[in-house]
Each structure stands twice: as structure tokens, then as C-alpha cells.
Amino acid sequence: MAHTYILHSKTLNKFYIGCCHADLGLRIENHNTAKYGAKTFTSRANDWQLFLRFDCDDYAHAVRLERKIKAMKSRRYLENLKKYAELREKVLHETKNS
């Protein structure tokens, strides 16, 4: 199973959107410890918390979903994704077999 996830840092008051193949907990830990490099976006803070997660059937779907969410470029959209289950279902369905 693959995941698309949204992280939030209170320190930066920013969101990060990503996807991964398997262990989401380890992925978040790696973001918080700058495992992906000192010059990456997530290395600027170490308080990343899971804001929202989507479980996808495969990695290709997770990548499509990540790109769709990033394309919206809106904090309000991210907050509404968390707030409204029907919006989450809609975006999952739209990206399922694109």
C-alpha cells in the first residue's frame, strides 16, 4: 500500500505534501531528522506532524493524488480536505485511474 500525506509544521506554519511506498511513520521521522538532506524544504523544521493521510492502492495513484493536491496551491483547500470527507473521497476518485 502507498500513501499520500500532508504534514504541518507549527514552527514554520507551513504544509508539506508528499507520498511514500510503505512506512509512513518512518517517513515522517526522516523528515523531522533532515534525513533527506540539509537543503530540503522539510529540513527547515523538526516539528512536522501528520495533518492528513490518504491510503492509495498503489504508488502511481499516490503520486497522481500528490500532484493534484499540490496543483491546488491553497492552504484553504488543504484545511477543507481535512474537514470534509466528501472532498477527500472526490479527490481520491478523480485520481484513481487518471
PDB file of N, CA and C in Angstrom:
ATOM      1  N   MET A   1       0.844  -1.183   0.000  1.00  0.00           N
ATOM      2  CA  MET A   1       0.000   0.000   0.000  1.00  0.00           C
ATOM      3  C   MET A   1       0.884   1.239   0.000  1.00  0.00           C
ATOM      4  N   ALA A   2       0.436   2.264  -0.677  1.00  0.00           N
ATOM      5  CA  ALA A   2       1.147   3.533  -0.745  1.00  0.00           C
ATOM      6  C   ALA A   2       0.307   4.611  -0.068  1.00  0.00           C
ATOM      7  N   HIS A   3       0.954   5.708   0.259  1.00  0.00           N
ATOM      8  CA  HIS A   3       0.273   6.788   0.972  1.00  0.00           C
ATOM      9  C   HIS A   3       0.617   8.133   0.347  1.00  0.00           C
ATOM     10  N   THR A   4      -0.337   9.021   0.338  1.00  0.00           N
ATOM     11  CA  THR A   4      -0.109  10.440   0.105  1.00  0.00           C
ATOM     12  C   THR A   4      -0.378  11.099   1.452  1.00  0.00           C
ATOM     13  N   TYR A   5       0.496  12.018   1.834  1.00  0.00           N
ATOM     14  CA  TYR A   5       0.362  12.601   3.168  1.00  0.00           C
ATOM     15  C   TYR A   5       0.585  14.103   3.118  1.00  0.00           C
ATOM     16  N   ILE A   6      -0.004  14.762   4.099  1.00  0.00           N
ATOM     17  CA  ILE A   6       0.188  16.194   4.280  1.00  0.00           C
ATOM     18  C   ILE A   6       0.721  16.396   5.688  1.00  0.00           C
ATOM     19  N   LEU A   7       1.866  17.050   5.785  1.00  0.00           N
ATOM     20  CA  LEU A   7       2.472  17.352   7.077  1.00  0.00           C
ATOM     21  C   LEU A   7       2.311  18.843   7.345  1.00  0.00           C
ATOM     22  N   HIS A   8       2.306  19.179   8.624  1.00  0.00           N
ATOM     23  CA  HIS A   8       2.250  20.591   9.015  1.00  0.00           C
ATOM     24  C   HIS A   8       3.314  20.852  10.071  1.00  0.00           C
ATOM     25  N   SER A   9       3.988  21.999   9.936  1.00  0.00           N
ATOM     26  CA  SER A   9       4.962  22.453  10.928  1.00  0.00           C
ATOM     27  C   SER A   9       4.415  23.705  11.602  1.00  0.00           C
ATOM     28  N   LYS A  10       4.259  23.654  12.910  1.00  0.00           N
ATOM     29  CA  LYS A  10       3.819  24.845  13.651  1.00  0.00           C
ATOM     30  C   LYS A  10       4.898  25.917  13.638  1.00  0.00           C
ATOM     31  N   THR A  11       6.153  25.511  13.688  1.00  0.00           N
ATOM     32  CA  THR A  11       7.270  26.461  13.683  1.00  0.00           C
ATOM     33  C   THR A  11       7.240  27.327  12.430  1.00  0.00           C
ATOM     34  N   LEU A  12       7.067  26.678  11.278  1.00  0.00           N
ATOM     35  CA  LEU A  12       7.068  27.403  10.006  1.00  0.00           C
ATOM     36  C   LEU A  12       5.676  27.872   9.594  1.00  0.00           C
ATOM     37  N   ASN A  13       4.657  27.280  10.196  1.00  0.00           N
ATOM     38  CA  ASN A  13       3.270  27.478   9.781  1.00  0.00           C
ATOM     39  C   ASN A  13       3.114  27.174   8.292  1.00  0.00           C
ATOM     40  N   LYS A  14       3.693  26.035   7.899  1.00  0.00           N
ATOM     41  CA  LYS A  14       3.686  25.604   6.504  1.00  0.00           C
ATOM     42  C   LYS A  14       3.239  24.144   6.418  1.00  0.00           C
ATOM     43  N   PHE A  15       2.781  23.799   5.223  1.00  0.00           N
ATOM     44  CA  PHE A  15       2.409  22.419   4.922  1.00  0.00           C
ATOM     45  C   PHE A  15       3.423  21.813   3.967  1.00  0.00           C
ATOM     46  N   TYR A  16       3.530  20.497   4.024  1.00  0.00           N
ATOM     47  CA  TYR A  16       4.347  19.750   3.072  1.00  0.00           C
ATOM     48  C   TYR A  16       3.499  18.581   2.580  1.00  0.00           C
ATOM     49  N   ILE A  17       3.485  18.353   1.282  1.00  0.00           N
ATOM     50  CA  ILE A  17       2.708  17.273   0.687  1.00  0.00           C
ATOM     51  C   ILE A  17       3.677  16.297   0.044  1.00  0.00           C
ATOM     52  N   GLY A  18       3.489  15.019   0.331  1.00  0.00           N
ATOM     53  CA  GLY A  18       4.374  14.010  -0.228  1.00  0.00           C
ATOM     54  C   GLY A  18       3.673  12.681  -0.372  1.00  0.00           C
ATOM     55  N   CYS A  19       4.414  11.693  -0.855  1.00  0.00           N
ATOM     56  CA  CYS A  19       3.883  10.338  -0.949  1.00  0.00           C
ATOM     57  C   CYS A  19       5.008   9.350  -0.661  1.00  0.00           C
ATOM     58  N   CYS A  20       4.628   8.139  -0.289  1.00  0.00           N
ATOM     59  CA  CYS A  20       5.623   7.117   0.024  1.00  0.00           C
ATOM     60  C   CYS A  20       5.052   5.734  -0.265  1.00  0.00           C
ATOM     61  N   HIS A  21       5.950   4.767  -0.332  1.00  0.00           N
ATOM     62  CA  HIS A  21       5.565   3.391  -0.629  1.00  0.00           C
ATOM     63  C   HIS A  21       4.991   2.656   0.575  1.00  0.00           C
ATOM     64  N   ALA A  22       5.587   2.828   1.734  1.00  0.00           N
ATOM     65  CA  ALA A  22       5.188   1.955   2.830  1.00  0.00           C
ATOM     66  C   ALA A  22       5.081   2.666   4.179  1.00  0.00           C
ATOM     67  N   ASP A  23       6.125   2.614   4.975  1.00  0.00           N
ATOM     68  CA  ASP A  23       6.090   3.026   6.374  1.00  0.00           C
ATOM     69  C   ASP A  23       6.005   4.548   6.535  1.00  0.00           C
ATOM     70  N   LEU A  24       4.807   5.037   6.727  1.00  0.00           N
ATOM     71  CA  LEU A  24       4.581   6.480   6.839  1.00  0.00           C
ATOM     72  C   LEU A  24       5.221   7.045   8.110  1.00  0.00           C
ATOM     73  N   GLY A  25       5.182   6.313   9.195  1.00  0.00           N
ATOM     74  CA  GLY A  25       5.798   6.774  10.444  1.00  0.00           C
ATOM     75  C   GLY A  25       7.292   7.020  10.281  1.00  0.00           C
ATOM     76  N   LEU A  26       7.964   6.103   9.616  1.00  0.00           N
ATOM     77  CA  LEU A  26       9.397   6.258   9.361  1.00  0.00           C
ATOM     78  C   LEU A  26       9.644   7.438   8.434  1.00  0.00           C
ATOM     79  N   ARG A  27       8.781   7.623   7.462  1.00  0.00           N
ATOM     80  CA  ARG A  27       8.918   8.741   6.518  1.00  0.00           C
ATOM     81  C   ARG A  27       8.847  10.084   7.263  1.00  0.00           C
ATOM     82  N   ILE A  28       7.895  10.210   8.171  1.00  0.00           N
ATOM     83  CA  ILE A  28       7.763  11.450   8.945  1.00  0.00           C
ATOM     84  C   ILE A  28       8.987  11.661   9.832  1.00  0.00           C
ATOM     85  N   GLU A  29       9.444  10.593  10.460  1.00  0.00           N
ATOM     86  CA  GLU A  29      10.652  10.677  11.296  1.00  0.00           C
ATOM     87  C   GLU A  29      11.847  11.156  10.466  1.00  0.00           C
ATOM     88  N   ASN A  30      11.961  10.630   9.240  1.00  0.00           N
ATOM     89  CA  ASN A  30      13.058  11.047   8.362  1.00  0.00           C
ATOM     90  C   ASN A  30      12.948  12.526   7.992  1.00  0.00           C
ATOM     91  N   HIS A  31      11.752  13.017   7.779  1.00  0.00           N
ATOM     92  CA  HIS A  31      11.573  14.446   7.510  1.00  0.00           C
ATOM     93  C   HIS A  31      12.006  15.269   8.722  1.00  0.00           C
ATOM     94  N   ASN A  32      11.670  14.823   9.909  1.00  0.00           N
ATOM     95  CA  ASN A  32      11.983  15.572  11.137  1.00  0.00           C
ATOM     96  C   ASN A  32      13.464  15.537  11.496  1.00  0.00           C
ATOM     97  N   THR A  33      14.205  14.592  10.963  1.00  0.00           N
ATOM     98  CA  THR A  33      15.637  14.480  11.274  1.00  0.00           C
ATOM     99  C   THR A  33      16.510  14.890  10.092  1.00  0.00           C
ATOM    100  N   ALA A  34      15.930  15.526   9.100  1.00  0.00           N
ATOM    101  CA  ALA A  34      16.655  16.009   7.912  1.00  0.00           C
ATOM    102  C   ALA A  34      17.397  14.886   7.191  1.00  0.00           C
ATOM    103  N   LYS A  35      16.840  13.703   7.220  1.00  0.00           N
ATOM    104  CA  LYS A  35      17.466  12.542   6.570  1.00  0.00           C
ATOM    105  C   LYS A  35      17.571  12.723   5.048  1.00  0.00           C
ATOM    106  N   TYR A  36      16.717  13.566   4.475  1.00  0.00           N
ATOM    107  CA  TYR A  36      16.703  13.747   3.026  1.00  0.00           C
ATOM    108  C   TYR A  36      17.623  14.879   2.568  1.00  0.00           C
ATOM    109  N   GLY A  37      18.426  15.419   3.485  1.00  0.00           N
ATOM    110  CA  GLY A  37      19.391  16.449   3.133  1.00  0.00           C
ATOM    111  C   GLY A  37      19.135  17.751   3.864  1.00  0.00           C
ATOM    112  N   ALA A  38      20.203  18.492   4.085  1.00  0.00           N
ATOM    113  CA  ALA A  38      20.130  19.731   4.855  1.00  0.00           C
ATOM    114  C   ALA A  38      19.491  20.876   4.076  1.00  0.00           C
ATOM    115  N   LYS A  39      19.371  20.743   2.772  1.00  0.00           N
ATOM    116  CA  LYS A  39      18.825  21.837   1.965  1.00  0.00           C
ATOM    117  C   LYS A  39      17.413  21.556   1.471  1.00  0.00           C
ATOM    118  N   THR A  40      16.789  20.521   1.972  1.00  0.00           N
ATOM    119  CA  THR A  40      15.422  20.212   1.566  1.00  0.00           C
ATOM    120  C   THR A  40      14.437  21.094   2.337  1.00  0.00           C
ATOM    121  N   PHE A  41      13.240  21.223   1.799  1.00  0.00           N
ATOM    122  CA  PHE A  41      12.220  22.063   2.427  1.00  0.00           C
ATOM    123  C   PHE A  41      11.931  21.618   3.860  1.00  0.00           C
ATOM    124  N   THR A  42      11.786  20.320   4.084  1.00  0.00           N
ATOM    125  CA  THR A  42      11.403  19.843   5.418  1.00  0.00           C
ATOM    126  C   THR A  42      12.540  19.920   6.424  1.00  0.00           C
ATOM    127  N   SER A  43      13.764  20.134   5.973  1.00  0.00           N
ATOM    128  CA  SER A  43      14.882  20.232   6.919  1.00  0.00           C
ATOM    129  C   SER A  43      14.865  21.556   7.684  1.00  0.00           C
ATOM    130  N   ARG A  44      14.021  22.491   7.260  1.00  0.00           N
ATOM    131  CA  ARG A  44      13.945  23.798   7.919  1.00  0.00           C
ATOM    132  C   ARG A  44      13.243  23.742   9.272  1.00  0.00           C
ATOM    133  N   ALA A  45      12.608  22.613   9.591  1.00  0.00           N
ATOM    134  CA  ALA A  45      11.930  22.452  10.891  1.00  0.00           C
ATOM    135  C   ALA A  45      12.041  20.990  11.314  1.00  0.00           C
ATOM    136  N   ASN A  46      11.817  20.749  12.581  1.00  0.00           N
ATOM    137  CA  ASN A  46      11.850  19.367  13.065  1.00  0.00           C
ATOM    138  C   ASN A  46      10.587  19.021  13.857  1.00  0.00           C
ATOM    139  N   ASP A  47       9.526  19.755  13.564  1.00  0.00           N
ATOM    140  CA  ASP A  47       8.263  19.514  14.283  1.00  0.00           C
ATOM    141  C   ASP A  47       7.131  19.124  13.326  1.00  0.00           C
ATOM    142  N   TRP A  48       7.463  18.460  12.232  1.00  0.00           N
ATOM    143  CA  TRP A  48       6.443  18.053  11.260  1.00  0.00           C
ATOM    144  C   TRP A  48       5.498  17.037  11.880  1.00  0.00           C
ATOM    145  N   GLN A  49       4.214  17.326  11.779  1.00  0.00           N
ATOM    146  CA  GLN A  49       3.172  16.441  12.295  1.00  0.00           C
ATOM    147  C   GLN A  49       2.246  16.050  11.156  1.00  0.00           C
ATOM    148  N   LEU A  50       1.734  14.833  11.226  1.00  0.00           N
ATOM    149  CA  LEU A  50       0.797  14.376  10.205  1.00  0.00           C
ATOM    150  C   LEU A  50      -0.487  15.184  10.314  1.00  0.00           C
ATOM    151  N   PHE A  51      -0.843  15.852   9.224  1.00  0.00           N
ATOM    152  CA  PHE A  51      -2.068  16.648   9.145  1.00  0.00           C
ATOM    153  C   PHE A  51      -3.185  15.815   8.529  1.00  0.00           C
ATOM    154  N   LEU A  52      -2.839  15.066   7.475  1.00  0.00           N
ATOM    155  CA  LEU A  52      -3.830  14.254   6.769  1.00  0.00           C
ATOM    156  C   LEU A  52      -3.121  13.179   5.976  1.00  0.00           C
ATOM    157  N   ARG A  53      -3.745  12.023   5.879  1.00  0.00           N
ATOM    158  CA  ARG A  53      -3.158  10.932   5.114  1.00  0.00           C
ATOM    159  C   ARG A  53      -4.217  10.283   4.239  1.00  0.00           C
ATOM    160  N   PHE A  54      -3.770   9.839   3.084  1.00  0.00           N
ATOM    161  CA  PHE A  54      -4.616   9.098   2.158  1.00  0.00           C
ATOM    162  C   PHE A  54      -3.951   7.760   1.889  1.00  0.00           C
ATOM    163  N   ASP A  55      -4.698   6.683   2.001  1.00  0.00           N
ATOM    164  CA  ASP A  55      -4.199   5.367   1.645  1.00  0.00           C
ATOM    165  C   ASP A  55      -4.593   5.085   0.206  1.00  0.00           C
ATOM    166  N   CYS A  56      -3.614   4.753  -0.613  1.00  0.00           N
ATOM    167  CA  CYS A  56      -3.836   4.530  -2.037  1.00  0.00           C
ATOM    168  C   CYS A  56      -3.545   3.068  -2.381  1.00  0.00           C
ATOM    169  N   ASP A  57      -4.147   2.612  -3.465  1.00  0.00           N
ATOM    170  CA  ASP A  57      -3.964   1.216  -3.886  1.00  0.00           C
ATOM    171  C   ASP A  57      -2.529   0.939  -4.320  1.00  0.00           C
ATOM    172  N   ASP A  58      -1.921   1.895  -4.993  1.00  0.00           N
ATOM    173  CA  ASP A  58      -0.550   1.701  -5.484  1.00  0.00           C
ATOM    174  C   ASP A  58       0.183   3.043  -5.503  1.00  0.00           C
ATOM    175  N   TYR A  59       1.483   2.973  -5.733  1.00  0.00           N
ATOM    176  CA  TYR A  59       2.311   4.170  -5.686  1.00  0.00           C
ATOM    177  C   TYR A  59       1.957   5.155  -6.802  1.00  0.00           C
ATOM    178  N   ALA A  60       1.604   4.650  -7.970  1.00  0.00           N
ATOM    179  CA  ALA A  60       1.228   5.526  -9.085  1.00  0.00           C
ATOM    180  C   ALA A  60       0.020   6.391  -8.707  1.00  0.00           C
ATOM    181  N   HIS A  61      -0.948   5.792  -8.031  1.00  0.00           N
ATOM    182  CA  HIS A  61      -2.111   6.555  -7.581  1.00  0.00           C
ATOM    183  C   HIS A  61      -1.693   7.595  -6.542  1.00  0.00           C
ATOM    184  N   ALA A  62      -0.811   7.218  -5.635  1.00  0.00           N
ATOM    185  CA  ALA A  62      -0.340   8.151  -4.606  1.00  0.00           C
ATOM    186  C   ALA A  62       0.344   9.359  -5.239  1.00  0.00           C
ATOM    187  N   VAL A  63       1.120   9.133  -6.291  1.00  0.00           N
ATOM    188  CA  VAL A  63       1.804  10.236  -6.974  1.00  0.00           C
ATOM    189  C   VAL A  63       0.792  11.139  -7.675  1.00  0.00           C
ATOM    190  N   ARG A  64      -0.195  10.565  -8.346  1.00  0.00           N
ATOM    191  CA  ARG A  64      -1.233  11.379  -9.001  1.00  0.00           C
ATOM    192  C   ARG A  64      -1.982  12.235  -7.989  1.00  0.00           C
ATOM    193  N   LEU A  65      -2.307  11.640  -6.852  1.00  0.00           N
ATOM    194  CA  LEU A  65      -3.008  12.367  -5.795  1.00  0.00           C
ATOM    195  C   LEU A  65      -2.140  13.493  -5.239  1.00  0.00           C
ATOM    196  N   GLU A  66      -0.879  13.212  -4.998  1.00  0.00           N
ATOM    197  CA  GLU A  66       0.055  14.236  -4.512  1.00  0.00           C
ATOM    198  C   GLU A  66       0.099  15.419  -5.484  1.00  0.00           C
ATOM    199  N   ARG A  67       0.228  15.136  -6.760  1.00  0.00           N
ATOM    200  CA  ARG A  67       0.301  16.201  -7.774  1.00  0.00           C
ATOM    201  C   ARG A  67      -0.985  17.006  -7.839  1.00  0.00           C
ATOM    202  N   LYS A  68      -2.122  16.343  -7.715  1.00  0.00           N
ATOM    203  CA  LYS A  68      -3.423  17.021  -7.746  1.00  0.00           C
ATOM    204  C   LYS A  68      -3.533  17.999  -6.568  1.00  0.00           C
ATOM    205  N   ILE A  69      -3.164  17.521  -5.379  1.00  0.00           N
ATOM    206  CA  ILE A  69      -3.249  18.369  -4.187  1.00  0.00           C
ATOM    207  C   ILE A  69      -2.276  19.546  -4.298  1.00  0.00           C
ATOM    208  N   LYS A  70      -1.051  19.286  -4.748  1.00  0.00           N
ATOM    209  CA  LYS A  70      -0.067  20.358  -4.900  1.00  0.00           C
ATOM    210  C   LYS A  70      -0.524  21.385  -5.928  1.00  0.00           C
ATOM    211  N   ALA A  71      -1.193  20.937  -6.972  1.00  0.00           N
ATOM    212  CA  ALA A  71      -1.648  21.846  -8.027  1.00  0.00           C
ATOM    213  C   ALA A  71      -2.678  22.846  -7.516  1.00  0.00           C
ATOM    214  N   MET A  72      -3.383  22.509  -6.451  1.00  0.00           N
ATOM    215  CA  MET A  72      -4.392  23.416  -5.903  1.00  0.00           C
ATOM    216  C   MET A  72      -3.756  24.633  -5.239  1.00  0.00           C
ATOM    217  N   LYS A  73      -2.537  24.504  -4.739  1.00  0.00           N
ATOM    218  CA  LYS A  73      -1.771  25.613  -4.158  1.00  0.00           C
ATOM    219  C   LYS A  73      -2.600  26.471  -3.198  1.00  0.00           C
ATOM    220  N   SER A  74      -3.281  25.813  -2.278  1.00  0.00           N
ATOM    221  CA  SER A  74      -4.172  26.562  -1.408  1.00  0.00           C
ATOM    222  C   SER A  74      -4.199  25.967  -0.004  1.00  0.00           C
ATOM    223  N   ARG A  75      -3.896  26.790   0.969  1.00  0.00           N
ATOM    224  CA  ARG A  75      -3.996  26.381   2.375  1.00  0.00           C
ATOM    225  C   ARG A  75      -5.446  26.045   2.715  1.00  0.00           C
ATOM    226  N   ARG A  76      -6.369  26.850   2.219  1.00  0.00           N
ATOM    227  CA  ARG A  76      -7.796  26.611   2.481  1.00  0.00           C
ATOM    228  C   ARG A  76      -8.228  25.242   1.922  1.00  0.00           C
ATOM    229  N   TYR A  77      -7.728  24.895   0.740  1.00  0.00           N
ATOM    230  CA  TYR A  77      -8.048  23.589   0.150  1.00  0.00           C
ATOM    231  C   TYR A  77      -7.566  22.463   1.070  1.00  0.00           C
ATOM    232  N   LEU A  78      -6.355  22.588   1.594  1.00  0.00           N
ATOM    233  CA  LEU A  78      -5.825  21.567   2.500  1.00  0.00           C
ATOM    234  C   LEU A  78      -6.673  21.460   3.763  1.00  0.00           C
ATOM    235  N   GLU A  79      -7.059  22.595   4.310  1.00  0.00           N
ATOM    236  CA  GLU A  79      -7.898  22.589   5.514  1.00  0.00           C
ATOM    237  C   GLU A  79      -9.270  21.980   5.216  1.00  0.00           C
ATOM    238  N   ASN A  80      -9.813  22.279   4.036  1.00  0.00           N
ATOM    239  CA  ASN A  80     -11.102  21.694   3.659  1.00  0.00           C
ATOM    240  C   ASN A  80     -10.998  20.196   3.403  1.00  0.00           C
ATOM    241  N   LEU A  81      -9.865  19.738   2.889  1.00  0.00           N
ATOM    242  CA  LEU A  81      -9.671  18.293   2.722  1.00  0.00           C
ATOM    243  C   LEU A  81      -9.788  17.585   4.068  1.00  0.00           C
ATOM    244  N   LYS A  82      -9.196  18.176   5.084  1.00  0.00           N
ATOM    245  CA  LYS A  82      -9.258  17.573   6.413  1.00  0.00           C
ATOM    246  C   LYS A  82     -10.667  17.642   6.984  1.00  0.00           C
ATOM    247  N   LYS A  83     -11.356  18.737   6.707  1.00  0.00           N
ATOM    248  CA  LYS A  83     -12.663  18.988   7.296  1.00  0.00           C
ATOM    249  C   LYS A  83     -13.790  18.177   6.651  1.00  0.00           C
ATOM    250  N   TYR A  84     -13.733  17.978   5.330  1.00  0.00           N
ATOM    251  CA  TYR A  84     -14.860  17.382   4.596  1.00  0.00           C
ATOM    252  C   TYR A  84     -14.498  16.030   3.971  1.00  0.00           C
ATOM    253  N   ALA A  85     -15.103  14.987   4.492  1.00  0.00           N
ATOM    254  CA  ALA A  85     -14.856  13.637   3.984  1.00  0.00           C
ATOM    255  C   ALA A  85     -15.251  13.502   2.520  1.00  0.00           C
ATOM    256  N   GLU A  86     -16.326  14.178   2.117  1.00  0.00           N
ATOM    257  CA  GLU A  86     -16.774  14.063   0.725  1.00  0.00           C
ATOM    258  C   GLU A  86     -15.757  14.674  -0.243  1.00  0.00           C
ATOM    259  N   LEU A  87     -15.031  15.693   0.173  1.00  0.00           N
ATOM    260  CA  LEU A  87     -13.990  16.268  -0.664  1.00  0.00           C
ATOM    261  C   LEU A  87     -12.817  15.304  -0.796  1.00  0.00           C
ATOM    262  N   ARG A  88     -12.477  14.631   0.309  1.00  0.00           N
ATOM    263  CA  ARG A  88     -11.412  13.626   0.257  1.00  0.00           C
ATOM    264  C   ARG A  88     -11.784  12.493  -0.687  1.00  0.00           C
ATOM    265  N   GLU A  89     -13.012  12.022  -0.588  1.00  0.00           N
ATOM    266  CA  GLU A  89     -13.468  10.943  -1.473  1.00  0.00           C
ATOM    267  C   GLU A  89     -13.439  11.381  -2.935  1.00  0.00           C
ATOM    268  N   LYS A  90     -13.840  12.609  -3.189  1.00  0.00           N
ATOM    269  CA  LYS A  90     -13.872  13.131  -4.561  1.00  0.00           C
ATOM    270  C   LYS A  90     -12.466  13.157  -5.165  1.00  0.00           C
ATOM    271  N   VAL A  91     -11.510  13.692  -4.440  1.00  0.00           N
ATOM    272  CA  VAL A  91     -10.150  13.790  -4.975  1.00  0.00           C
ATOM    273  C   VAL A  91      -9.516  12.412  -5.127  1.00  0.00           C
ATOM    274  N   LEU A  92      -9.826  11.495  -4.229  1.00  0.00           N
ATOM    275  CA  LEU A  92      -9.328  10.121  -4.375  1.00  0.00           C
ATOM    276  C   LEU A  92      -9.889   9.482  -5.638  1.00  0.00           C
ATOM    277  N   HIS A  93     -11.169   9.668  -5.868  1.00  0.00           N
ATOM    278  CA  HIS A  93     -11.822   9.089  -7.041  1.00  0.00           C
ATOM    279  C   HIS A  93     -11.288   9.710  -8.334  1.00  0.00           C
ATOM    280  N   GLU A  94     -11.126  11.011  -8.342  1.00  0.00           N
ATOM    281  CA  GLU A  94     -10.628  11.709  -9.533  1.00  0.00           C
ATOM    282  C   GLU A  94      -9.237  11.258  -9.955  1.00  0.00           C
ATOM    283  N   THR A  95      -8.420  10.869  -9.000  1.00  0.00           N
ATOM    284  CA  THR A  95      -7.036  10.499  -9.303  1.00  0.00           C
ATOM    285  C   THR A  95      -6.830   8.994  -9.402  1.00  0.00           C
ATOM    286  N   LYS A  96      -7.856   8.227  -9.170  1.00  0.00           N
ATOM    287  CA  LYS A  96      -7.717   6.769  -9.129  1.00  0.00           C
ATOM    288  C   LYS A  96      -7.151   6.190 -10.422  1.00  0.00           C
ATOM    289  N   ASN A  97      -7.718   6.518 -11.566  1.00  0.00           N
ATOM    290  CA  ASN A  97      -7.263   5.925 -12.832  1.00  0.00           C
ATOM    291  C   ASN A  97      -6.977   6.978 -13.883  1.00  0.00           C
ATOM    292  N   SER A  98      -6.390   8.060 -13.484  1.00  0.00           N
ATOM    293  CA  SER A  98      -6.109   9.142 -14.439  1.00  0.00           C
ATOM    294  C   SER A  98      -4.943   8.799 -15.324  1.00  0.00           C
TER     295      SER A  98
END
